[in-house]
Amino acid sequence: MDEARLKTRLWVQACIRSCQSLGHIATVLDRGDEAAGAVLIKLVLRDRRCQVLAQTRTGDGRRAWMRGCGADPVAETEADDYIARQRRYDPDLWVVEIESPDGTHPLGDPIL
């Protein structure tokens, strides 16, 4: 079953509100295409290491995430370099930074 797809701008706004309601600080670092841009999430851990999650879809059309920099957290500079490379390939890309001291993924979608 294919879920209804919100415009990216609305999804990002809802994501930030949801994160804030859970006590996480969330900020838009880069704005992309308002209607259909893809999203990267930069999770910043307590020790300033990061995980970058790239938006994808499952085989049945549901939103999911893939780890962009591997399974283990990386230095913030490495995460920023990855994000910069992705933005060079896709200028319509949105980047949302979420401070997650315990490393939890506050969005609820599966990580593949």
C-alpha atoms as a PDB file:
ATOM      1  CA  MET A   1       0.000   0.000   0.000  1.00  0.00           C
ATOM      2  CA  ASP A   2       1.392   3.398  -1.004  1.00  0.00           C
ATOM      3  CA  GLU A   3       1.113   6.073   1.683  1.00  0.00           C
ATOM      4  CA  ALA A   4      -0.001   9.579   0.746  1.00  0.00           C
ATOM      5  CA  ARG A   5       3.043  11.744   0.138  1.00  0.00           C
ATOM      6  CA  LEU A   6       3.213  15.184   1.667  1.00  0.00           C
ATOM      7  CA  LYS A   7       5.132  17.962   0.040  1.00  0.00           C
ATOM      8  CA  THR A   8       8.638  17.870   1.439  1.00  0.00           C
ATOM      9  CA  ARG A   9       8.367  21.287   3.094  1.00  0.00           C
ATOM     10  CA  LEU A  10       5.322  20.143   5.083  1.00  0.00           C
ATOM     11  CA  TRP A  11       6.964  16.835   6.013  1.00  0.00           C
ATOM     12  CA  VAL A  12      10.089  18.658   7.256  1.00  0.00           C
ATOM     13  CA  GLN A  13       7.966  21.056   9.346  1.00  0.00           C
ATOM     14  CA  ALA A  14       6.097  18.094  10.874  1.00  0.00           C
ATOM     15  CA  CYS A  15       9.400  16.292  11.498  1.00  0.00           C
ATOM     16  CA  ILE A  16      10.814  19.278  13.390  1.00  0.00           C
ATOM     17  CA  ARG A  17       7.674  19.656  15.516  1.00  0.00           C
ATOM     18  CA  SER A  18       7.623  15.947  16.270  1.00  0.00           C
ATOM     19  CA  CYS A  19      11.284  15.966  17.303  1.00  0.00           C
ATOM     20  CA  GLN A  20      10.768  19.015  19.494  1.00  0.00           C
ATOM     21  CA  SER A  21       7.790  17.381  21.191  1.00  0.00           C
ATOM     22  CA  LEU A  22      10.132  14.497  22.111  1.00  0.00           C
ATOM     23  CA  GLY A  23      12.693  16.920  23.559  1.00  0.00           C
ATOM     24  CA  HIS A  24      15.102  16.878  20.611  1.00  0.00           C
ATOM     25  CA  ILE A  25      16.467  20.048  19.030  1.00  0.00           C
ATOM     26  CA  ALA A  26      15.840  19.990  15.278  1.00  0.00           C
ATOM     27  CA  THR A  27      16.935  22.534  12.678  1.00  0.00           C
ATOM     28  CA  VAL A  28      16.768  22.845   8.908  1.00  0.00           C
ATOM     29  CA  LEU A  29      20.364  23.208   7.677  1.00  0.00           C
ATOM     30  CA  ASP A  30      19.570  23.297   3.941  1.00  0.00           C
ATOM     31  CA  ARG A  31      16.314  23.785   2.080  1.00  0.00           C
ATOM     32  CA  GLY A  32      15.630  21.878  -1.080  1.00  0.00           C
ATOM     33  CA  ASP A  33      12.712  21.584  -3.455  1.00  0.00           C
ATOM     34  CA  GLU A  34       9.573  22.433  -1.501  1.00  0.00           C
ATOM     35  CA  ALA A  35       7.382  19.890  -3.238  1.00  0.00           C
ATOM     36  CA  ALA A  36       9.516  16.842  -3.914  1.00  0.00           C
ATOM     37  CA  GLY A  37      13.053  17.205  -2.515  1.00  0.00           C
ATOM     38  CA  ALA A  38      14.675  14.233  -0.807  1.00  0.00           C
ATOM     39  CA  VAL A  39      15.732  14.513   2.851  1.00  0.00           C
ATOM     40  CA  LEU A  40      18.932  13.784   4.767  1.00  0.00           C
ATOM     41  CA  ILE A  41      18.847  13.649   8.557  1.00  0.00           C
ATOM     42  CA  LYS A  42      22.027  14.495  10.450  1.00  0.00           C
ATOM     43  CA  LEU A  43      21.744  12.958  13.920  1.00  0.00           C
ATOM     44  CA  VAL A  44      24.194  14.651  16.286  1.00  0.00           C
ATOM     45  CA  LEU A  45      25.103  12.557  19.320  1.00  0.00           C
ATOM     46  CA  ARG A  46      26.228  13.760  22.746  1.00  0.00           C
ATOM     47  CA  ASP A  47      29.939  13.414  21.849  1.00  0.00           C
ATOM     48  CA  ARG A  48      29.412  15.385  18.579  1.00  0.00           C
ATOM     49  CA  ARG A  49      29.764  12.254  16.470  1.00  0.00           C
ATOM     50  CA  CYS A  50      27.046  11.926  13.867  1.00  0.00           C
ATOM     51  CA  GLN A  51      24.935   9.550  11.874  1.00  0.00           C
ATOM     52  CA  VAL A  52      23.549  10.607   8.515  1.00  0.00           C
ATOM     53  CA  LEU A  53      20.263   9.042   7.449  1.00  0.00           C
ATOM     54  CA  ALA A  54      19.220   9.187   3.801  1.00  0.00           C
ATOM     55  CA  GLN A  55      15.537   9.008   2.949  1.00  0.00           C
ATOM     56  CA  THR A  56      14.478   6.052   0.831  1.00  0.00           C
ATOM     57  CA  ARG A  57      11.388   3.902   0.242  1.00  0.00           C
ATOM     58  CA  THR A  58      10.713   0.242   0.950  1.00  0.00           C
ATOM     59  CA  GLY A  59       9.546  -2.113  -1.786  1.00  0.00           C
ATOM     60  CA  ASP A  60       5.933  -1.386  -0.876  1.00  0.00           C
ATOM     61  CA  GLY A  61       6.405   2.413  -0.944  1.00  0.00           C
ATOM     62  CA  ARG A  62       6.754   3.190   2.763  1.00  0.00           C
ATOM     63  CA  ARG A  63       9.334   5.730   3.953  1.00  0.00           C
ATOM     64  CA  ALA A  64      12.524   4.287   5.412  1.00  0.00           C
ATOM     65  CA  TRP A  65      16.093   5.441   6.039  1.00  0.00           C
ATOM     66  CA  MET A  66      19.547   4.219   5.087  1.00  0.00           C
ATOM     67  CA  ARG A  67      22.739   5.058   6.962  1.00  0.00           C
ATOM     68  CA  GLY A  68      24.754   7.275   4.652  1.00  0.00           C
ATOM     69  CA  CYS A  69      28.106   7.028   6.462  1.00  0.00           C
ATOM     70  CA  GLY A  70      27.978   3.419   7.611  1.00  0.00           C
ATOM     71  CA  ALA A  71      26.658   1.663  10.705  1.00  0.00           C
ATOM     72  CA  ASP A  72      28.876   3.460  13.231  1.00  0.00           C
ATOM     73  CA  PRO A  73      28.754   7.170  14.084  1.00  0.00           C
ATOM     74  CA  VAL A  74      31.403   9.333  12.396  1.00  0.00           C
ATOM     75  CA  ALA A  75      33.123  12.629  13.188  1.00  0.00           C
ATOM     76  CA  GLU A  76      30.962  15.658  12.465  1.00  0.00           C
ATOM     77  CA  THR A  77      33.377  16.829   9.750  1.00  0.00           C
ATOM     78  CA  GLU A  78      33.002  13.482   7.964  1.00  0.00           C
ATOM     79  CA  ALA A  79      29.201  13.755   8.170  1.00  0.00           C
ATOM     80  CA  ASP A  80      29.330  17.330   6.835  1.00  0.00           C
ATOM     81  CA  ASP A  81      31.585  16.250   3.954  1.00  0.00           C
ATOM     82  CA  TYR A  82      29.124  13.461   3.042  1.00  0.00           C
ATOM     83  CA  ILE A  83      26.219  15.932   3.124  1.00  0.00           C
ATOM     84  CA  ALA A  84      28.127  18.432   0.946  1.00  0.00           C
ATOM     85  CA  ARG A  85      28.832  15.705  -1.641  1.00  0.00           C
ATOM     86  CA  GLN A  86      25.173  14.687  -1.710  1.00  0.00           C
ATOM     87  CA  ARG A  87      24.049  18.319  -2.131  1.00  0.00           C
ATOM     88  CA  ARG A  88      26.410  18.713  -5.104  1.00  0.00           C
ATOM     89  CA  TYR A  89      24.616  15.781  -6.777  1.00  0.00           C
ATOM     90  CA  ASP A  90      21.144  16.858  -5.683  1.00  0.00           C
ATOM     91  CA  PRO A  91      20.633  20.597  -5.051  1.00  0.00           C
ATOM     92  CA  ASP A  92      16.944  19.867  -4.263  1.00  0.00           C
ATOM     93  CA  LEU A  93      18.007  17.967  -1.128  1.00  0.00           C
ATOM     94  CA  TRP A  94      16.799  19.028   2.318  1.00  0.00           C
ATOM     95  CA  VAL A  95      19.108  18.577   5.321  1.00  0.00           C
ATOM     96  CA  VAL A  96      17.667  18.429   8.846  1.00  0.00           C
ATOM     97  CA  GLU A  97      19.925  18.299  11.896  1.00  0.00           C
ATOM     98  CA  ILE A  98      18.535  16.590  14.992  1.00  0.00           C
ATOM     99  CA  GLU A  99      20.388  16.610  18.284  1.00  0.00           C
ATOM    100  CA  SER A 100      19.923  13.147  19.717  1.00  0.00           C
ATOM    101  CA  PRO A 101      22.239  12.742  22.732  1.00  0.00           C
ATOM    102  CA  ASP A 102      21.403   9.060  23.178  1.00  0.00           C
ATOM    103  CA  GLY A 103      21.545   8.300  19.448  1.00  0.00           C
ATOM    104  CA  THR A 104      17.904   7.311  19.117  1.00  0.00           C
ATOM    105  CA  HIS A 105      16.172   7.831  15.814  1.00  0.00           C
ATOM    106  CA  PRO A 106      13.109   9.947  16.734  1.00  0.00           C
ATOM    107  CA  LEU A 107      11.246   9.636  13.424  1.00  0.00           C
ATOM    108  CA  GLY A 108       9.761   6.171  13.807  1.00  0.00           C
ATOM    109  CA  ASP A 109      10.433   4.973  10.263  1.00  0.00           C
ATOM    110  CA  PRO A 110      12.623   1.863   9.870  1.00  0.00           C
ATOM    111  CA  ILE A 111      16.352   2.084   9.200  1.00  0.00           C
ATOM    112  CA  LEU A 112      17.380  -0.418   6.531  1.00  0.00           C
END
